[in-house]
Protein backbone atom coordinates (compact mmCIF):
# COMPACT_ATOMS: atom_id res chain seq x y z
CA MET A 1 -21.59 -72.29 -1.39
CA ILE A 2 -20.28 -69.45 0.98
CA PRO A 3 -16.81 -68.50 1.18
CA ARG A 4 -15.85 -66.42 4.03
CA VAL A 5 -12.28 -64.75 4.42
CA HIS A 6 -11.47 -63.97 7.97
CA GLN A 7 -9.73 -61.28 9.54
CA GLN A 8 -5.52 -62.25 9.60
CA GLY A 9 -3.97 -63.67 12.73
CA SER A 10 -0.89 -64.14 14.10
CA ASN A 11 -1.27 -67.52 16.28
CA THR A 12 -1.55 -70.30 13.99
CA LEU A 13 -1.22 -72.77 16.49
CA GLY A 14 -4.35 -71.43 18.64
CA LEU A 15 -6.43 -71.60 15.08
CA LEU A 16 -5.34 -75.43 15.03
CA HIS A 17 -6.58 -75.85 18.44
CA TYR A 18 -10.14 -74.38 17.61
CA LEU A 19 -10.18 -76.20 13.96
CA TYR A 20 -9.52 -79.60 15.44
CA GLY A 21 -11.23 -79.05 19.10
CA LYS A 22 -14.74 -79.59 20.31
CA GLY A 23 -16.04 -76.51 19.12
CA THR A 24 -18.19 -74.10 21.73
CA HIS A 25 -21.14 -76.51 21.49
CA GLU A 26 -19.10 -79.45 21.17
CA GLU A 27 -20.38 -79.21 17.38
CA HIS A 28 -17.00 -80.01 15.27
CA ILE A 29 -17.56 -83.91 14.74
CA ASP A 30 -14.78 -85.82 13.65
CA PRO A 31 -12.27 -83.14 12.63
CA HIS A 32 -9.51 -84.32 9.95
CA LEU A 33 -7.76 -82.95 7.24
CA VAL A 34 -8.91 -83.20 3.67
CA ALA A 35 -6.22 -81.39 1.91
CA SER A 36 -3.08 -79.38 2.05
CA PHE A 37 -0.67 -77.77 0.22
CA ASP A 38 1.53 -81.02 -0.71
CA GLY A 39 -0.87 -83.99 -0.16
CA MET A 40 1.66 -85.22 2.88
CA ALA A 41 0.95 -82.53 5.58
CA PRO A 42 0.07 -84.65 9.09
CA ASP A 43 -3.04 -85.06 10.40
CA PRO A 44 -3.80 -84.54 14.10
CA GLY A 45 -7.57 -85.39 13.80
CA ARG A 46 -6.54 -89.18 12.32
CA ASP A 47 -2.86 -89.85 13.09
CA PRO A 48 -2.52 -90.26 17.26
CA SER A 49 0.97 -90.03 16.50
CA VAL A 50 0.97 -86.24 15.53
CA THR A 51 -0.02 -83.45 17.22
CA ARG A 52 -1.36 -80.01 16.21
CA LYS A 53 2.20 -78.34 16.92
CA ASP A 54 3.55 -80.47 14.27
CA LEU A 55 0.88 -79.15 11.74
CA GLN A 56 1.72 -75.56 13.16
CA HIS A 57 5.59 -75.97 12.75
CA LEU A 58 4.87 -77.50 9.24
CA LEU A 59 2.75 -74.36 8.15
CA ASP A 60 4.95 -71.85 9.64
CA GLN A 61 8.51 -73.02 8.52
CA PRO A 62 8.42 -70.42 5.54
CA LEU A 63 8.85 -67.79 8.21
CA SER A 64 12.04 -68.97 9.05
CA LEU A 65 13.21 -67.71 5.55
CA LEU A 66 12.70 -64.30 6.66
CA ASP A 67 14.80 -61.90 9.31
CA ALA A 68 13.03 -61.52 12.47
CA GLY A 69 12.10 -57.76 11.23
CA ARG A 70 10.55 -58.69 8.11
CA ARG A 71 8.25 -61.28 9.45
CA PRO A 72 4.22 -60.29 9.19
CA ALA A 73 2.70 -59.37 12.31
CA LYS A 74 -0.43 -61.29 11.41
CA HIS A 75 0.73 -63.84 8.99
CA VAL A 76 -2.30 -66.41 9.42
CA TRP A 77 -5.01 -66.80 6.48
CA HIS A 78 -8.20 -68.10 7.23
CA CYS A 79 -11.17 -68.87 5.15
CA SER A 80 -14.36 -70.80 5.70
CA VAL A 81 -16.08 -72.30 2.86
CA ARG A 82 -20.00 -73.37 4.01
CA ALA A 83 -22.24 -75.46 1.62
CA ALA A 84 -25.98 -74.03 1.42
CA PRO A 85 -28.67 -75.92 3.71
CA ASP A 86 -30.15 -77.90 0.58
CA ASP A 87 -27.00 -78.84 -0.84
CA PRO A 88 -26.23 -82.46 -0.66
CA SER A 89 -23.39 -83.96 1.97
CA LEU A 90 -20.00 -83.45 -0.38
CA THR A 91 -17.34 -86.35 0.27
CA ASP A 92 -13.74 -85.23 1.37
CA GLU A 93 -12.54 -85.71 -1.96
CA GLN A 94 -15.09 -83.11 -3.27
CA TRP A 95 -14.19 -80.63 -0.20
CA ALA A 96 -10.53 -81.61 -1.15
CA ASP A 97 -11.20 -80.14 -4.88
CA ILE A 98 -12.97 -77.31 -3.39
CA ALA A 99 -10.18 -76.25 -1.38
CA ARG A 100 -7.27 -76.23 -4.25
CA ARG A 101 -9.68 -74.56 -6.31
CA MET A 102 -10.13 -71.54 -3.36
CA VAL A 103 -6.43 -71.52 -2.72
CA ALA A 104 -5.67 -71.40 -6.17
CA ALA A 105 -8.30 -68.18 -6.81
CA THR A 106 -7.33 -66.20 -4.08
CA GLY A 107 -3.73 -66.23 -4.75
CA ILE A 108 -2.54 -68.50 -1.62
CA ASP A 109 -1.42 -71.06 -4.00
CA PRO A 110 -2.00 -69.88 -7.27
CA GLY A 111 -0.01 -73.22 -8.83
CA ASP A 112 3.28 -71.83 -9.71
CA GLY A 113 5.48 -74.31 -7.19
CA ALA A 114 5.88 -71.89 -4.77
CA GLY A 115 2.64 -70.91 -3.30
CA CYS A 116 1.70 -70.47 0.41
CA ARG A 117 1.53 -73.72 2.74
CA TRP A 118 -2.07 -74.23 4.04
CA ALA A 119 -4.43 -77.19 5.29
CA ALA A 120 -7.87 -77.41 5.12
CA ILE A 121 -10.06 -79.27 7.93
CA ARG A 122 -13.54 -80.76 8.07
CA HIS A 123 -14.97 -80.73 11.60
CA ALA A 124 -18.77 -80.80 9.79
CA ASP A 125 -20.55 -82.26 7.07
CA ASP A 126 -21.57 -78.85 5.67
CA HIS A 127 -18.04 -76.66 5.62
CA ILE A 128 -14.35 -76.73 5.66
CA HIS A 129 -11.76 -74.29 7.15
CA ILE A 130 -8.40 -73.35 4.94
CA ILE A 131 -5.39 -72.14 6.88
CA ALA A 132 -2.72 -70.77 5.41
CA THR A 133 0.80 -69.10 6.63
CA LEU A 134 1.24 -66.00 4.45
CA VAL A 135 4.54 -66.09 3.45
CA ARG A 136 5.27 -68.08 0.03
CA GLU A 137 7.85 -70.75 -0.35
CA ASP A 138 10.23 -68.01 -2.17
CA GLY A 139 9.82 -65.80 0.73
CA ARG A 140 7.63 -63.66 -1.04
CA ARG A 141 4.62 -62.70 0.22
CA PRO A 142 1.10 -63.78 -1.67
CA ASN A 143 -0.76 -61.65 -3.89
CA HIS A 144 -4.07 -62.10 -1.81
CA HIS A 145 -5.40 -58.48 -2.72
CA ARG A 146 -9.45 -58.63 -2.18
CA SER A 147 -9.38 -62.65 -1.54
CA GLY A 148 -12.65 -62.26 -0.09
CA GLN A 149 -14.36 -61.29 -3.51
CA ARG A 150 -11.94 -63.67 -5.70
CA ALA A 151 -13.51 -66.56 -3.18
CA GLN A 152 -16.88 -65.46 -4.14
CA THR A 153 -16.41 -65.46 -7.67
CA GLU A 154 -14.99 -69.45 -7.57
CA ALA A 155 -17.66 -70.35 -5.29
CA ARG A 156 -19.93 -69.51 -8.26
CA LEU A 157 -18.47 -71.14 -10.59
CA ILE A 158 -18.15 -74.17 -7.84
CA GLU A 159 -21.80 -74.01 -7.90
CA ALA A 160 -22.38 -74.56 -11.24
CA ASP A 161 -19.65 -77.45 -11.81
CA TYR A 162 -21.36 -79.49 -8.66
CA GLY A 163 -24.76 -78.74 -9.31
CA LEU A 164 -25.30 -76.55 -5.80
CA HIS A 165 -27.59 -74.39 -4.58
CA ARG A 166 -26.85 -71.05 -6.62
CA ILE A 167 -26.39 -68.06 -4.62
CA ALA A 168 -26.87 -64.54 -6.51
CA PRO A 169 -23.66 -62.73 -6.75
CA GLY A 170 -22.82 -59.82 -4.86
CA ASP A 171 -21.94 -56.27 -5.28
CA GLY A 172 -20.34 -54.99 -2.27
CA THR A 173 -23.75 -53.09 -0.77
CA ALA A 174 -24.85 -55.64 1.45
CA ALA A 175 -24.97 -55.56 5.08
CA ARG A 176 -22.13 -57.43 6.81
CA ARG A 177 -23.10 -60.94 8.19
CA PRO A 178 -23.19 -61.85 12.04
CA THR A 179 -20.27 -64.15 12.52
CA SER A 180 -20.21 -67.30 13.98
CA ALA A 181 -19.42 -66.14 17.43
CA GLU A 182 -22.09 -63.54 17.48
CA ARG A 183 -24.93 -66.28 16.18
CA HIS A 184 -23.53 -68.63 18.77
CA LYS A 185 -23.47 -65.85 21.65
CA ALA A 186 -27.38 -65.22 20.75
CA GLN A 187 -27.80 -68.99 20.82
CA ARG A 188 -26.76 -69.33 24.57
CA HIS A 189 -28.93 -66.32 25.10
CA GLY A 190 -31.81 -67.12 23.71
CA ARG A 191 -31.91 -64.60 21.27
CA ARG A 192 -34.08 -65.56 18.01
CA ARG A 193 -31.17 -63.09 16.28
CA THR A 194 -28.15 -61.63 17.06
CA ALA A 195 -27.34 -58.07 18.42
CA ARG A 196 -26.28 -57.23 15.37
CA GLU A 197 -29.45 -58.00 13.20
CA GLU A 198 -31.47 -56.42 16.43
CA LEU A 199 -29.43 -53.10 16.31
CA ARG A 200 -29.59 -52.86 12.22
CA GLU A 201 -33.40 -53.14 12.67
CA THR A 202 -33.67 -50.57 15.62
CA VAL A 203 -31.57 -47.80 14.00
CA ARG A 204 -33.24 -48.51 10.36
CA HIS A 205 -36.70 -47.42 12.40
CA ALA A 206 -34.67 -44.76 14.05
CA VAL A 207 -33.81 -43.06 10.75
CA ALA A 208 -37.24 -44.09 9.03
CA GLY A 209 -38.59 -40.32 8.22
CA ALA A 210 -36.14 -38.72 10.92
CA ASP A 211 -35.32 -35.18 9.61
CA SER A 212 -32.53 -34.27 12.03
CA GLU A 213 -29.66 -35.77 14.07
CA GLU A 214 -31.49 -34.52 17.24
CA GLU A 215 -34.53 -36.76 16.31
CA PHE A 216 -32.50 -39.56 15.29
CA PHE A 217 -30.57 -39.87 18.28
CA ASP A 218 -33.70 -39.37 20.55
CA ARG A 219 -35.52 -42.27 18.91
CA LEU A 220 -32.34 -44.25 19.70
CA ALA A 221 -32.55 -43.46 23.02
CA ALA A 222 -36.24 -44.12 23.56
CA ALA A 223 -35.99 -47.22 21.93
CA GLY A 224 -33.27 -47.83 24.59
CA LEU A 225 -30.15 -48.43 23.09
CA LEU A 226 -27.05 -47.39 24.72
CA ILE A 227 -24.84 -44.50 22.35
CA ARG A 228 -21.62 -43.51 22.08
CA LYS A 229 -20.86 -40.35 19.91
CA ARG A 230 -17.60 -39.62 18.21
CA VAL A 231 -17.12 -36.05 18.20
CA ALA A 232 -14.00 -33.94 16.55
CA PRO A 233 -11.58 -31.46 18.95
CA SER A 234 -13.70 -28.90 16.93
CA GLY A 235 -16.65 -30.19 18.56
CA ASP A 236 -18.07 -31.50 15.59
CA LEU A 237 -20.06 -35.18 15.20
CA LEU A 238 -18.40 -37.65 13.14
CA GLY A 239 -20.15 -40.80 13.90
CA TYR A 240 -21.84 -42.91 16.26
CA LYS A 241 -21.74 -46.29 18.07
CA VAL A 242 -24.74 -48.58 19.58
CA ALA A 243 -25.08 -51.39 21.61
CA LEU A 244 -27.79 -53.26 23.53
CA PRO A 245 -27.91 -52.53 27.33
CA ASP A 246 -27.74 -56.80 27.86
CA ASP A 247 -25.24 -57.42 25.23
CA ARG A 248 -21.94 -57.84 27.20
CA ASN A 249 -18.25 -59.38 26.69
CA GLY A 250 -16.18 -61.49 29.06
CA GLU A 251 -15.27 -58.04 30.95
CA LYS A 252 -18.83 -57.14 31.30
CA GLU A 253 -18.94 -54.07 28.98
CA PRO A 254 -21.60 -53.46 26.46
CA VAL A 255 -20.73 -54.37 22.97
CA PHE A 256 -20.86 -51.59 20.56
CA TYR A 257 -21.63 -51.26 16.97
CA ALA A 258 -20.71 -48.46 14.60
CA GLY A 259 -23.55 -47.49 12.36
CA SER A 260 -21.24 -47.94 9.24
CA THR A 261 -20.85 -51.57 10.50
CA LEU A 262 -24.46 -52.30 11.00
CA ALA A 263 -25.10 -51.56 7.06
CA PRO A 264 -23.38 -49.19 4.53
CA ASP A 265 -26.15 -46.83 4.75
CA LEU A 266 -26.36 -46.48 8.55
CA SER A 267 -23.02 -44.94 8.75
CA LEU A 268 -23.62 -41.08 10.18
CA PRO A 269 -22.66 -39.26 6.98
CA ARG A 270 -25.04 -41.77 4.88
CA ILE A 271 -27.79 -40.95 7.14
CA ARG A 272 -26.92 -37.14 6.66
CA GLU A 273 -27.73 -37.47 2.94
CA ARG A 274 -30.77 -38.15 3.62
CA TRP A 275 -31.55 -34.47 5.40
CA THR A 276 -29.82 -32.67 2.26
CA LEU A 277 -31.78 -31.84 -0.49
CA PRO A 278 -29.07 -31.34 -3.53
CA ALA A 279 -29.63 -28.11 -5.38
CA GLU A 280 -30.09 -29.87 -8.84
CA ALA A 281 -32.87 -31.95 -7.07
CA ALA A 282 -34.37 -28.77 -5.68
CA SER A 283 -34.14 -26.93 -9.47
CA ALA A 284 -35.66 -29.84 -11.25
CA ASP A 285 -38.45 -30.38 -9.03
CA GLY A 286 -39.58 -26.61 -8.28
CA PHE A 287 -38.90 -26.24 -4.86
CA ARG A 288 -36.38 -24.99 -2.33
CA PRO A 289 -34.50 -27.34 -0.14
CA LYS A 290 -35.77 -27.11 3.97
CA GLN A 291 -36.31 -29.27 6.82
CA PRO A 292 -39.77 -30.50 6.32
CA ALA A 293 -42.28 -29.14 8.74
CA LEU A 294 -43.95 -31.48 11.45
CA PRO A 295 -46.63 -33.61 10.06
CA ASP A 296 -50.43 -32.59 9.53
CA VAL A 297 -51.51 -36.29 10.76
CA THR A 298 -54.81 -36.61 11.94
CA GLY A 299 -54.45 -40.22 12.85
CA PRO A 300 -53.14 -43.61 11.44
CA ALA A 301 -55.48 -44.00 8.76
CA PHE A 302 -55.03 -40.71 7.01
CA ALA A 303 -51.32 -41.11 7.51
CA ARG A 304 -52.04 -44.07 5.26
CA ARG A 305 -54.01 -42.87 2.54
CA ARG A 306 -50.89 -39.93 2.40
CA ALA A 307 -48.23 -42.66 2.15
CA THR A 308 -50.16 -44.84 -0.37
CA ALA A 309 -50.73 -41.58 -2.75
CA ALA A 310 -46.82 -40.93 -2.40
CA THR A 311 -46.11 -44.87 -3.00
CA TRP A 312 -47.93 -44.63 -6.31
CA GLN A 313 -46.18 -41.32 -7.55
CA ALA A 314 -42.75 -43.64 -6.45
CA LEU A 315 -44.33 -46.46 -8.57
CA LEU A 316 -43.94 -43.80 -11.68
CA VAL A 317 -40.77 -42.53 -11.08
CA ILE A 318 -39.36 -46.36 -10.88
CA ASP A 319 -40.87 -47.43 -14.22
CA HIS A 320 -40.21 -44.16 -15.93
CA GLY A 321 -37.49 -41.97 -13.81
CA ASP A 322 -33.93 -41.65 -14.53
CA ASP A 323 -31.95 -44.12 -12.36
CA GLY A 324 -30.82 -41.78 -9.73
CA ALA A 325 -34.43 -40.91 -8.78
CA ALA A 326 -35.68 -44.53 -9.26
CA ALA A 327 -32.66 -45.50 -6.72
CA ALA A 328 -33.86 -42.49 -4.47
CA GLN A 329 -37.39 -44.20 -4.58
CA ILE A 330 -36.33 -47.38 -3.37
CA ALA A 331 -34.08 -46.52 -0.88
CA ALA A 332 -37.12 -44.27 0.67
CA ALA A 333 -39.73 -46.92 0.30
CA GLY A 334 -37.46 -48.92 2.71
CA GLU A 335 -38.17 -46.19 5.47
CA VAL A 336 -42.04 -46.55 4.72
CA LEU A 337 -41.92 -49.93 5.21
CA ASP A 338 -39.80 -49.53 8.44
CA ALA A 339 -42.26 -47.20 9.64
CA LEU A 340 -45.22 -49.39 8.65
CA ALA A 341 -43.56 -52.26 10.40
CA LYS A 342 -42.99 -50.35 13.34
CA THR A 343 -46.38 -48.75 13.68
CA SER A 344 -48.58 -52.23 12.57
CA ALA A 345 -51.34 -53.94 14.27
CA ALA A 346 -50.19 -57.45 16.35
CA HIS A 347 -51.90 -59.27 13.03
CA THR A 348 -49.57 -57.82 10.61
CA ARG A 349 -46.62 -56.98 12.74
CA ALA A 350 -44.87 -60.20 12.17
CA GLU A 351 -45.08 -60.34 7.76
CA LEU A 352 -44.20 -56.15 8.07
CA ARG A 353 -41.30 -56.88 9.90
CA LYS A 354 -39.96 -59.50 7.87
CA ALA A 355 -40.75 -57.86 4.81
CA ALA A 356 -38.75 -54.42 5.96
CA PHE A 357 -36.19 -56.90 7.10
CA VAL A 358 -35.67 -58.33 3.93
CA PHE A 359 -36.30 -55.35 1.87
CA GLU A 360 -33.47 -53.53 3.62
CA ARG A 361 -30.49 -55.53 0.87
CA ALA A 362 -32.87 -53.96 -1.97
CA SER A 363 -32.56 -50.28 -0.90
CA ARG A 364 -28.69 -50.38 -1.93
CA SER A 365 -26.89 -50.63 -5.05
CA HIS A 366 -24.20 -48.80 -6.78
CA VAL A 367 -26.29 -46.87 -8.47
CA LYS A 368 -26.11 -43.19 -7.24
CA THR A 369 -29.23 -42.09 -5.16
CA VAL A 370 -30.55 -38.33 -5.97
CA ARG A 371 -31.89 -37.21 -2.65
CA GLY A 372 -34.79 -34.65 -2.71
CA HIS A 373 -36.80 -36.74 -5.86
CA ASP A 374 -37.77 -39.34 -2.08
CA ARG A 375 -38.94 -36.05 -0.02
CA ALA A 376 -42.70 -37.72 -0.45
CA LEU A 377 -41.96 -41.11 0.61
CA ARG A 378 -39.95 -39.90 3.48
CA GLN A 379 -42.60 -37.72 4.49
CA ALA A 380 -45.02 -40.55 4.11
CA ALA A 381 -42.68 -42.39 6.56
CA ARG A 382 -42.36 -39.33 8.96
CA ASP A 383 -46.33 -39.40 8.64
CA LEU A 384 -46.85 -43.04 9.84
CA VAL A 385 -44.53 -42.60 12.73
CA HIS A 386 -46.25 -39.43 14.14
CA SER A 387 -49.54 -40.55 13.78
CA GLY A 388 -48.92 -43.54 15.97
CA PRO A 389 -49.83 -47.23 16.07
CA ALA A 390 -52.84 -48.43 14.34
CA LEU A 391 -55.56 -50.68 15.59
CA GLY A 392 -55.87 -52.80 12.56
CA ARG A 393 -59.72 -52.26 12.77
CA GLY A 394 -62.20 -49.86 11.18
CA GLU A 395 -60.75 -47.27 8.81
CA ASP A 396 -57.35 -47.46 10.13
CA GLY A 397 -57.53 -51.17 9.35
CA ALA A 398 -59.01 -50.71 5.67
CA THR A 399 -56.47 -47.93 4.52
CA THR A 400 -53.70 -50.34 5.88
CA ALA A 401 -55.05 -52.83 3.68
CA MET A 402 -54.73 -50.41 0.83
CA LEU A 403 -51.21 -49.28 1.58
CA ILE A 404 -49.81 -52.94 1.88
CA ASP A 405 -51.43 -53.33 -1.72
CA MET A 406 -49.73 -50.59 -3.15
CA ALA A 407 -46.66 -51.34 -1.22
CA SER A 408 -46.36 -55.30 -2.79
CA PHE A 409 -46.49 -53.46 -6.41
CA LEU A 410 -43.85 -51.03 -5.29
CA ALA A 411 -41.83 -54.11 -3.96
CA ILE A 412 -42.52 -55.81 -7.74
CA ALA A 413 -41.37 -52.96 -9.49
CA ALA A 414 -38.30 -52.73 -7.23
CA ALA A 415 -37.19 -56.39 -8.29
CA ASN A 416 -37.59 -55.35 -11.74
CA TRP A 417 -35.69 -52.23 -11.62
CA HIS A 418 -33.06 -54.38 -10.19
CA ALA A 419 -33.30 -57.13 -12.27
CA LYS A 420 -32.81 -54.79 -15.53
CA LYS A 421 -29.65 -53.65 -14.02
CA HIS A 422 -28.43 -57.31 -12.91
CA HIS A 423 -28.69 -56.50 -9.20
CA SER A 424 -29.65 -59.98 -8.62
CA GLN A 425 -29.09 -59.87 -4.77
CA GLN A 426 -31.68 -56.83 -4.65
CA ALA A 427 -34.06 -58.17 -7.43
CA ALA A 428 -34.34 -61.20 -5.11
CA ALA A 429 -34.86 -59.44 -1.94
CA ALA A 430 -37.33 -57.33 -3.43
CA ARG A 431 -38.90 -60.21 -4.66
CA GLN A 432 -39.14 -61.83 -0.95
CA ALA A 433 -40.35 -58.78 0.55
CA ALA A 434 -43.44 -58.79 -1.94
CA GLU A 435 -44.50 -62.31 -0.71
CA HIS A 436 -44.22 -61.20 2.85
CA LEU A 437 -46.37 -58.05 1.95
CA ARG A 438 -48.82 -60.28 0.20
CA ALA A 439 -48.94 -62.15 3.44
CA ALA A 440 -49.73 -59.18 5.23
CA TYR A 441 -52.13 -58.05 2.71
CA GLU A 442 -54.11 -60.83 3.73
CA ALA A 443 -54.10 -60.84 7.36
CA ALA A 444 -54.85 -56.65 6.96
CA ALA A 445 -57.68 -57.17 4.06
CA GLY A 446 -59.69 -59.82 5.78
CA GLU A 447 -62.22 -57.52 7.80
CA PRO A 448 -62.40 -54.91 5.68
CA MET A 449 -63.08 -56.64 2.19
CA ALA A 450 -65.69 -58.91 3.99
CA VAL A 451 -67.62 -55.80 5.29
CA LEU A 452 -67.29 -54.48 1.67
CA CYS A 453 -68.61 -57.70 0.09
CA GLN A 454 -71.57 -57.84 2.77
CA ARG A 455 -72.49 -54.35 1.58
CA GLY A 456 -72.06 -55.66 -2.35
CA GLN A 457 -74.33 -58.48 -2.10
CA ARG A 458 -77.02 -56.33 -0.56
CA LEU A 459 -76.95 -54.50 -4.01
CA SER A 460 -80.51 -54.50 -5.47
CA PRO A 461 -80.60 -56.65 -8.41
CA ARG A 462 -80.85 -53.71 -10.84
CA ALA A 463 -77.47 -52.19 -8.85
CA ARG A 464 -75.55 -55.38 -9.28
CA GLN A 465 -76.38 -55.77 -12.85
CA ARG A 466 -75.31 -52.29 -13.75
CA GLN A 467 -72.05 -52.91 -12.25
CA ALA A 468 -71.24 -55.85 -13.82
CA ASP A 469 -72.35 -54.47 -17.29
CA LEU A 470 -70.06 -51.60 -16.63
CA LEU A 471 -67.17 -54.09 -15.56
CA HIS A 472 -67.93 -55.71 -18.96
CA GLU A 473 -67.42 -52.63 -21.10
CA VAL A 474 -64.53 -50.99 -19.40
CA LEU A 475 -62.23 -54.38 -19.31
CA PRO A 476 -64.39 -56.86 -21.41
CA ASP A 477 -61.02 -59.03 -21.39
CA LEU A 478 -60.66 -59.42 -17.44
CA ALA A 479 -64.77 -58.93 -16.68
CA THR A 480 -65.27 -62.70 -16.60
CA ARG A 481 -62.28 -63.50 -14.50
CA VAL A 482 -63.03 -60.64 -12.52
CA GLN A 483 -66.94 -61.61 -11.39
CA ALA A 484 -65.27 -65.00 -10.50
CA GLU A 485 -63.30 -63.55 -7.43
CA PRO A 486 -64.42 -63.58 -3.90
CA GLY A 487 -63.67 -59.66 -3.96
CA TRP A 488 -66.20 -58.94 -7.02
CA PRO A 489 -69.12 -58.09 -4.72
CA ALA A 490 -66.67 -55.21 -2.89
CA LEU A 491 -65.96 -54.23 -6.26
CA ALA A 492 -69.24 -53.51 -7.42
CA ALA A 493 -70.00 -51.96 -3.86
CA THR A 494 -66.58 -49.49 -4.28
CA LEU A 495 -68.36 -48.52 -7.87
CA ASP A 496 -71.72 -47.96 -6.55
CA ASP A 497 -70.65 -45.94 -3.60
CA ALA A 498 -68.46 -43.86 -6.76
CA ARG A 499 -71.51 -43.10 -8.69
CA LYS A 500 -73.27 -41.91 -5.37
CA ALA A 501 -70.83 -39.62 -4.61
CA GLY A 502 -71.05 -38.05 -7.72
CA HIS A 503 -68.04 -39.49 -9.64
CA ASP A 504 -68.43 -41.20 -13.29
CA PRO A 505 -67.74 -44.96 -12.44
CA ALA A 506 -66.48 -45.60 -15.65
CA ALA A 507 -63.90 -42.64 -15.89
CA LEU A 508 -62.78 -44.48 -12.41
CA LEU A 509 -62.34 -47.79 -13.64
CA THR A 510 -60.75 -46.78 -16.43
CA GLU A 511 -58.49 -44.68 -15.01
CA ALA A 512 -57.60 -47.32 -12.51
CA ALA A 513 -57.37 -49.92 -14.65
CA GLY A 514 -54.65 -48.53 -16.76
CA ARG A 515 -52.65 -47.23 -13.96
CA ARG A 516 -50.91 -50.95 -14.14
CA GLU A 517 -50.95 -53.75 -15.39
CA LEU A 518 -53.16 -56.27 -13.99
CA ASP A 519 -52.96 -59.54 -15.39
CA THR A 520 -50.36 -60.16 -12.49
CA ALA A 521 -52.30 -59.73 -9.61
CA THR A 522 -53.50 -62.13 -7.41
CA SER A 523 -56.68 -60.88 -7.04
CA ILE A 524 -57.63 -57.82 -9.78
CA SER A 525 -60.96 -57.14 -7.77
CA ASP A 526 -59.05 -56.23 -4.86
CA VAL A 527 -56.45 -54.22 -6.57
CA LEU A 528 -59.18 -52.32 -8.37
CA VAL A 529 -61.30 -51.59 -5.07
CA TRP A 530 -58.28 -50.13 -3.14
CA ARG A 531 -57.32 -47.62 -6.14
CA LEU A 532 -61.06 -46.70 -6.37
CA ARG A 533 -61.49 -45.73 -2.92
CA ARG A 534 -58.32 -44.01 -2.85
CA SER A 535 -59.01 -41.94 -5.92
CA ALA A 536 -62.55 -41.49 -5.43
CA ARG A 537 -61.84 -40.39 -1.67
CA LEU A 538 -64.22 -42.43 -0.40
CA PRO A 539 -63.79 -43.94 2.93
CA ALA A 540 -61.78 -47.00 2.88
CA LEU A 541 -64.38 -49.04 4.99
CA PRO A 542 -67.81 -47.60 5.10
CA GLU A 543 -69.63 -47.74 8.12
CA ARG A 544 -71.99 -50.64 8.32
CA PRO A 545 -75.62 -50.12 8.53
CA HIS A 546 -76.54 -51.51 12.08
CA ASP A 547 -73.57 -49.23 13.36
CA THR A 548 -75.13 -46.07 11.99
CA SER A 549 -78.66 -47.03 13.19
CA ALA A 550 -77.15 -47.96 16.70
CA ARG A 551 -75.23 -44.25 16.61
CA GLY A 552 -78.73 -42.62 16.00
CA SER A 553 -78.50 -39.02 16.97
CA ARG A 554 -75.14 -39.32 18.37
CA ARG A 555 -73.34 -39.71 14.93
CA GLN A 556 -72.46 -36.15 14.63
CA GLY A 557 -70.05 -36.73 17.30
CA SER A 558 -68.95 -39.98 16.67
CA SER A 559 -65.14 -41.29 15.82
CA ALA A 560 -66.54 -43.07 12.58
CA PRO A 561 -64.48 -42.38 9.73
CA ARG A 562 -66.30 -39.61 7.43
CA ALA A 563 -66.59 -39.42 3.93
CA LEU A 564 -63.63 -37.24 2.22
CA PRO A 565 -64.31 -34.50 0.20
CA LYS A 566 -65.19 -34.88 -3.56
CA GLN A 567 -62.48 -35.11 -5.80
CA GLY A 568 -61.85 -31.70 -7.67
CA SER A 569 -61.23 -31.25 -11.10
CA LEU A 570 -58.74 -33.48 -13.27
CA ASN A 571 -56.23 -31.06 -12.85
CA ASP A 572 -56.03 -32.08 -8.93
CA PRO A 573 -52.86 -34.08 -8.49
CA SER A 574 -54.32 -36.29 -5.94
CA ARG A 575 -56.69 -37.39 -9.03
CA ARG A 576 -53.81 -38.49 -11.28
CA ARG A 577 -52.28 -40.53 -8.45
């Protein structure tokens, strides 16, 4: 049940014409009255002897109690109440009861015998509109402060009473939903999403990893958006608006949206917070605030490795850090997902864009973010953008799978953190993002896991037994399950690669298994493969034997992924990731 209180208006008859009309797409079928303030209001939808002006005159009669100078300029209150798509069709009597509960909860007609005059019109199966005049029968103004929030609270009770789809309560930090007019406009122009939604995604991609206003606005311009900047007389930049070049109003002018109307954290002051490092964060982390240097990135694969390491560190903060630091990591995780979606290969792009789009809701809450703690993730987002698009093959395809695997754990950690704080909408969004990330992982991991599995299957019987014995020694409770998974040969090959690279496979496996619980993993072997290959600095996707022989003497100059340097001592920070 979704109530929406619209902006106040001044034309009662004009709104009635819309409510009783055919609609912009002739979607208004059988518009008729289901309830009113006294239960006896005329219904121009069902009674041919009644006009819309008759109903308007009845609703606006309380205005005559006031002198012309005391009448409110905008006296029309309008609220729509829509059922969820999977809710059963309600009867007129049920919608009438819902309308009465809404006007009582919002203060329009609190039941004291002198409330505002109102009428509820149903012109579709799944929703009603309530129109009211904001002058009470006694000439006073109603107490309808925060009527939108009060309507939402009542909607949660109605859902429970009627057994309807339960919507998670909000906290005022969600992005503004597209209006019905924006949705209809998108449909007319054949757009999959509204201009507001497209702009929000584009602006989020532009801010991901950006470190200055100049870079942010350059990215917006490069994305093809029209930009208007709001400048103070002093010359200081106060804000900005953006528009799609082909989104025009009736006068053929671009329709601009301010950043704050796209999402609460996309206003210019909130974006600037990402570039400002608080002194306390700098002191706590032992570094001085400064603008990050241009990333030292050699390609998509290297950027994805660094992003995976930063994501692991963020997981630790979310699990064990204070609330401000955890909130900062979750907010910055949204930038990493935006950057990953922007630079992803075609076969993973759709699911990654969906993950980034829904995780946007999880990135905001009333817990104040302490900027500075998120610098590693923000730098990771910057690395991803500056490294360019990934082709999705070879080493960069494998490191993409590695990063998506870690990002899905981060999304789950964010969902758990929000759930503990009773942020139900954010927790639901993070869980939904995790589902899209799992789907993206399946697309990204297919080829590299197949290669690793082939290498595992080619191991000698003695080598395979060695890795099986090691698995039972380190993970006795999970070994049987892991060996039954399709990815077990890839894990065996990875353990063998680690041994040949000079590592202690038992120590690496113990460390990898102890980082986070594994019972809920869809594939334990997959998770361990990527953890081991990253911590041991093994190539994410080793060369196939026929690739090596084909290159022959040209191997020295090839662009194939090279083995990274062996890991240093236990004090090496990268080993602890």
